[in-house]
Amino acid sequence: MDIIEKLEKHRLENKIPQQEVAIKLGVAFSTVNRWLNRKSKPTRFKVITLKS
């Protein structure tokens, strides 16, 4: 399971909207949406942020 799959699983299990994830990570809603729809990948810096 990659980091995006883990993020989506956590988000759905905890009923966290994509907008809230975006705010907590300091990115735009559209960025989170593109990650979850596999249109783009997070930068290495954001991957580190996601893992912590």
PDB file of N, CA and C in Angstrom:
ATOM      1  N   MET A   1       0.854  -1.176   0.000  1.00  0.00           N
ATOM      2  CA  MET A   1       0.000   0.000   0.000  1.00  0.00           C
ATOM      3  C   MET A   1       0.895   1.233   0.000  1.00  0.00           C
ATOM      4  N   ASP A   2       0.691   2.109  -0.983  1.00  0.00           N
ATOM      5  CA  ASP A   2       1.516   3.317  -1.038  1.00  0.00           C
ATOM      6  C   ASP A   2       0.926   4.421  -0.154  1.00  0.00           C
ATOM      7  N   ILE A   3       1.627   5.524  -0.071  1.00  0.00           N
ATOM      8  CA  ILE A   3       1.260   6.611   0.840  1.00  0.00           C
ATOM      9  C   ILE A   3      -0.099   7.219   0.497  1.00  0.00           C
ATOM     10  N   ILE A   4      -0.424   7.304  -0.778  1.00  0.00           N
ATOM     11  CA  ILE A   4      -1.711   7.878  -1.176  1.00  0.00           C
ATOM     12  C   ILE A   4      -2.849   6.941  -0.799  1.00  0.00           C
ATOM     13  N   GLU A   5      -2.654   5.650  -0.976  1.00  0.00           N
ATOM     14  CA  GLU A   5      -3.678   4.684  -0.560  1.00  0.00           C
ATOM     15  C   GLU A   5      -3.906   4.759   0.949  1.00  0.00           C
ATOM     16  N   LYS A   6      -2.825   4.905   1.703  1.00  0.00           N
ATOM     17  CA  LYS A   6      -2.944   5.026   3.159  1.00  0.00           C
ATOM     18  C   LYS A   6      -3.676   6.303   3.540  1.00  0.00           C
ATOM     19  N   LEU A   7      -3.355   7.395   2.857  1.00  0.00           N
ATOM     20  CA  LEU A   7      -4.022   8.673   3.120  1.00  0.00           C
ATOM     21  C   LEU A   7      -5.517   8.554   2.850  1.00  0.00           C
ATOM     22  N   GLU A   8      -5.875   7.975   1.727  1.00  0.00           N
ATOM     23  CA  GLU A   8      -7.285   7.832   1.367  1.00  0.00           C
ATOM     24  C   GLU A   8      -8.013   6.918   2.355  1.00  0.00           C
ATOM     25  N   LYS A   9      -7.386   5.828   2.745  1.00  0.00           N
ATOM     26  CA  LYS A   9      -7.993   4.916   3.719  1.00  0.00           C
ATOM     27  C   LYS A   9      -8.246   5.632   5.044  1.00  0.00           C
ATOM     28  N   HIS A  10      -7.233   6.346   5.530  1.00  0.00           N
ATOM     29  CA  HIS A  10      -7.366   7.095   6.791  1.00  0.00           C
ATOM     30  C   HIS A  10      -8.459   8.147   6.674  1.00  0.00           C
ATOM     31  N   ARG A  11      -8.468   8.857   5.555  1.00  0.00           N
ATOM     32  CA  ARG A  11      -9.450   9.917   5.327  1.00  0.00           C
ATOM     33  C   ARG A  11     -10.871   9.362   5.340  1.00  0.00           C
ATOM     34  N   LEU A  12     -11.094   8.248   4.662  1.00  0.00           N
ATOM     35  CA  LEU A  12     -12.430   7.659   4.592  1.00  0.00           C
ATOM     36  C   LEU A  12     -12.864   7.048   5.917  1.00  0.00           C
ATOM     37  N   GLU A  13     -11.948   6.365   6.588  1.00  0.00           N
ATOM     38  CA  GLU A  13     -12.282   5.755   7.881  1.00  0.00           C
ATOM     39  C   GLU A  13     -12.659   6.801   8.921  1.00  0.00           C
ATOM     40  N   ASN A  14     -12.018   7.964   8.840  1.00  0.00           N
ATOM     41  CA  ASN A  14     -12.265   9.025   9.820  1.00  0.00           C
ATOM     42  C   ASN A  14     -13.205  10.103   9.312  1.00  0.00           C
ATOM     43  N   LYS A  15     -13.766   9.880   8.119  1.00  0.00           N
ATOM     44  CA  LYS A  15     -14.736  10.811   7.511  1.00  0.00           C
ATOM     45  C   LYS A  15     -14.203  12.236   7.449  1.00  0.00           C
ATOM     46  N   ILE A  16     -12.949  12.356   6.984  1.00  0.00           N
ATOM     47  CA  ILE A  16     -12.300  13.657   6.846  1.00  0.00           C
ATOM     48  C   ILE A  16     -12.450  14.117   5.397  1.00  0.00           C
ATOM     49  N   PRO A  17     -13.027  15.292   5.160  1.00  0.00           N
ATOM     50  CA  PRO A  17     -13.164  15.765   3.781  1.00  0.00           C
ATOM     51  C   PRO A  17     -11.810  16.127   3.168  1.00  0.00           C
ATOM     52  N   GLN A  18     -11.736  16.057   1.859  1.00  0.00           N
ATOM     53  CA  GLN A  18     -10.495  16.393   1.154  1.00  0.00           C
ATOM     54  C   GLN A  18     -10.045  17.813   1.486  1.00  0.00           C
ATOM     55  N   GLN A  19     -10.990  18.728   1.656  1.00  0.00           N
ATOM     56  CA  GLN A  19     -10.643  20.118   1.972  1.00  0.00           C
ATOM     57  C   GLN A  19      -9.879  20.200   3.291  1.00  0.00           C
ATOM     58  N   GLU A  20     -10.298  19.436   4.278  1.00  0.00           N
ATOM     59  CA  GLU A  20      -9.614  19.434   5.575  1.00  0.00           C
ATOM     60  C   GLU A  20      -8.211  18.848   5.459  1.00  0.00           C
ATOM     61  N   VAL A  21      -8.068  17.794   4.681  1.00  0.00           N
ATOM     62  CA  VAL A  21      -6.742  17.208   4.438  1.00  0.00           C
ATOM     63  C   VAL A  21      -5.835  18.252   3.803  1.00  0.00           C
ATOM     64  N   ALA A  22      -6.367  18.960   2.821  1.00  0.00           N
ATOM     65  CA  ALA A  22      -5.587  19.989   2.129  1.00  0.00           C
ATOM     66  C   ALA A  22      -5.125  21.073   3.094  1.00  0.00           C
ATOM     67  N   ILE A  23      -6.005  21.529   3.948  1.00  0.00           N
ATOM     68  CA  ILE A  23      -5.652  22.576   4.914  1.00  0.00           C
ATOM     69  C   ILE A  23      -4.554  22.090   5.856  1.00  0.00           C
ATOM     70  N   LYS A  24      -4.709  20.871   6.371  1.00  0.00           N
ATOM     71  CA  LYS A  24      -3.724  20.330   7.312  1.00  0.00           C
ATOM     72  C   LYS A  24      -2.354  20.140   6.669  1.00  0.00           C
ATOM     73  N   LEU A  25      -2.345  19.830   5.361  1.00  0.00           N
ATOM     74  CA  LEU A  25      -1.076  19.617   4.663  1.00  0.00           C
ATOM     75  C   LEU A  25      -0.520  20.895   4.039  1.00  0.00           C
ATOM     76  N   GLY A  26      -1.304  21.958   4.051  1.00  0.00           N
ATOM     77  CA  GLY A  26      -0.836  23.218   3.493  1.00  0.00           C
ATOM     78  C   GLY A  26      -0.794  23.226   1.976  1.00  0.00           C
ATOM     79  N   VAL A  27      -1.740  22.506   1.372  1.00  0.00           N
ATOM     80  CA  VAL A  27      -1.838  22.484  -0.092  1.00  0.00           C
ATOM     81  C   VAL A  27      -3.268  22.814  -0.480  1.00  0.00           C
ATOM     82  N   ALA A  28      -3.484  23.033  -1.768  1.00  0.00           N
ATOM     83  CA  ALA A  28      -4.817  23.331  -2.271  1.00  0.00           C
ATOM     84  C   ALA A  28      -5.674  22.061  -2.319  1.00  0.00           C
ATOM     85  N   PHE A  29      -6.977  22.254  -2.220  1.00  0.00           N
ATOM     86  CA  PHE A  29      -7.911  21.132  -2.355  1.00  0.00           C
ATOM     87  C   PHE A  29      -7.674  20.403  -3.667  1.00  0.00           C
ATOM     88  N   SER A  30      -7.451  21.152  -4.733  1.00  0.00           N
ATOM     89  CA  SER A  30      -7.254  20.534  -6.051  1.00  0.00           C
ATOM     90  C   SER A  30      -6.018  19.640  -6.066  1.00  0.00           C
ATOM     91  N   THR A  31      -5.010  19.984  -5.293  1.00  0.00           N
ATOM     92  CA  THR A  31      -3.802  19.165  -5.209  1.00  0.00           C
ATOM     93  C   THR A  31      -4.124  17.816  -4.575  1.00  0.00           C
ATOM     94  N   VAL A  32      -4.823  17.836  -3.465  1.00  0.00           N
ATOM     95  CA  VAL A  32      -5.210  16.585  -2.798  1.00  0.00           C
ATOM     96  C   VAL A  32      -6.089  15.761  -3.733  1.00  0.00           C
ATOM     97  N   ASN A  33      -7.008  16.413  -4.419  1.00  0.00           N
ATOM     98  CA  ASN A  33      -7.890  15.722  -5.350  1.00  0.00           C
ATOM     99  C   ASN A  33      -7.099  15.052  -6.463  1.00  0.00           C
ATOM    100  N   ARG A  34      -6.107  15.731  -6.997  1.00  0.00           N
ATOM    101  CA  ARG A  34      -5.273  15.138  -8.057  1.00  0.00           C
ATOM    102  C   ARG A  34      -4.476  13.952  -7.528  1.00  0.00           C
ATOM    103  N   TRP A  35      -3.977  14.046  -6.297  1.00  0.00           N
ATOM    104  CA  TRP A  35      -3.262  12.908  -5.705  1.00  0.00           C
ATOM    105  C   TRP A  35      -4.180  11.700  -5.603  1.00  0.00           C
ATOM    106  N   LEU A  36      -5.365  11.910  -5.056  1.00  0.00           N
ATOM    107  CA  LEU A  36      -6.284  10.803  -4.809  1.00  0.00           C
ATOM    108  C   LEU A  36      -6.829  10.215  -6.103  1.00  0.00           C
ATOM    109  N   ASN A  37      -6.877  11.007  -7.155  1.00  0.00           N
ATOM    110  CA  ASN A  37      -7.331  10.518  -8.464  1.00  0.00           C
ATOM    111  C   ASN A  37      -6.178  10.083  -9.351  1.00  0.00           C
ATOM    112  N   ARG A  38      -4.976  10.045  -8.767  1.00  0.00           N
ATOM    113  CA  ARG A  38      -3.766   9.575  -9.471  1.00  0.00           C
ATOM    114  C   ARG A  38      -3.407  10.406 -10.701  1.00  0.00           C
ATOM    115  N   LYS A  39      -3.779  11.691 -10.670  1.00  0.00           N
ATOM    116  CA  LYS A  39      -3.404  12.588 -11.765  1.00  0.00           C
ATOM    117  C   LYS A  39      -2.016  13.180 -11.545  1.00  0.00           C
ATOM    118  N   SER A  40      -1.581  13.209 -10.280  1.00  0.00           N
ATOM    119  CA  SER A  40      -0.240  13.696  -9.945  1.00  0.00           C
ATOM    120  C   SER A  40       0.215  12.989  -8.670  1.00  0.00           C
ATOM    121  N   LYS A  41       1.474  13.208  -8.332  1.00  0.00           N
ATOM    122  CA  LYS A  41       2.054  12.604  -7.133  1.00  0.00           C
ATOM    123  C   LYS A  41       2.568  13.715  -6.223  1.00  0.00           C
ATOM    124  N   PRO A  42       2.551  13.480  -4.917  1.00  0.00           N
ATOM    125  CA  PRO A  42       3.120  14.480  -4.005  1.00  0.00           C
ATOM    126  C   PRO A  42       4.643  14.552  -4.167  1.00  0.00           C
ATOM    127  N   THR A  43       5.187  15.734  -3.901  1.00  0.00           N
ATOM    128  CA  THR A  43       6.638  15.895  -3.939  1.00  0.00           C
ATOM    129  C   THR A  43       7.251  15.091  -2.796  1.00  0.00           C
ATOM    130  N   ARG A  44       8.537  14.883  -2.862  1.00  0.00           N
ATOM    131  CA  ARG A  44       9.219  14.151  -1.785  1.00  0.00           C
ATOM    132  C   ARG A  44       9.008  14.822  -0.435  1.00  0.00           C
ATOM    133  N   PHE A  45       9.016  16.152  -0.431  1.00  0.00           N
ATOM    134  CA  PHE A  45       8.814  16.888   0.808  1.00  0.00           C
ATOM    135  C   PHE A  45       7.426  16.590   1.389  1.00  0.00           C
ATOM    136  N   LYS A  46       6.412  16.585   0.558  1.00  0.00           N
ATOM    137  CA  LYS A  46       5.055  16.302   1.027  1.00  0.00           C
ATOM    138  C   LYS A  46       4.913  14.845   1.453  1.00  0.00           C
ATOM    139  N   VAL A  47       5.620  13.936   0.783  1.00  0.00           N
ATOM    140  CA  VAL A  47       5.588  12.534   1.209  1.00  0.00           C
ATOM    141  C   VAL A  47       6.135  12.410   2.610  1.00  0.00           C
ATOM    142  N   ILE A  48       7.222  13.116   2.893  1.00  0.00           N
ATOM    143  CA  ILE A  48       7.798  13.104   4.244  1.00  0.00           C
ATOM    144  C   ILE A  48       6.800  13.675   5.236  1.00  0.00           C
ATOM    145  N   THR A  49       6.122  14.758   4.859  1.00  0.00           N
ATOM    146  CA  THR A  49       5.104  15.365   5.705  1.00  0.00           C
ATOM    147  C   THR A  49       3.964  14.386   5.965  1.00  0.00           C
ATOM    148  N   LEU A  50       3.550  13.673   4.940  1.00  0.00           N
ATOM    149  CA  LEU A  50       2.462  12.701   5.070  1.00  0.00           C
ATOM    150  C   LEU A  50       2.841  11.562   6.000  1.00  0.00           C
ATOM    151  N   LYS A  51       4.101  11.149   5.964  1.00  0.00           N
ATOM    152  CA  LYS A  51       4.543  10.026   6.781  1.00  0.00           C
ATOM    153  C   LYS A  51       4.680  10.382   8.249  1.00  0.00           C
ATOM    154  N   SER A  52       4.858  11.667   8.552  1.00  0.00           N
ATOM    155  CA  SER A  52       5.054  12.043   9.955  1.00  0.00           C
ATOM    156  C   SER A  52       3.766  12.372  10.658  1.00  0.00           C
TER     157      SER A  52
END
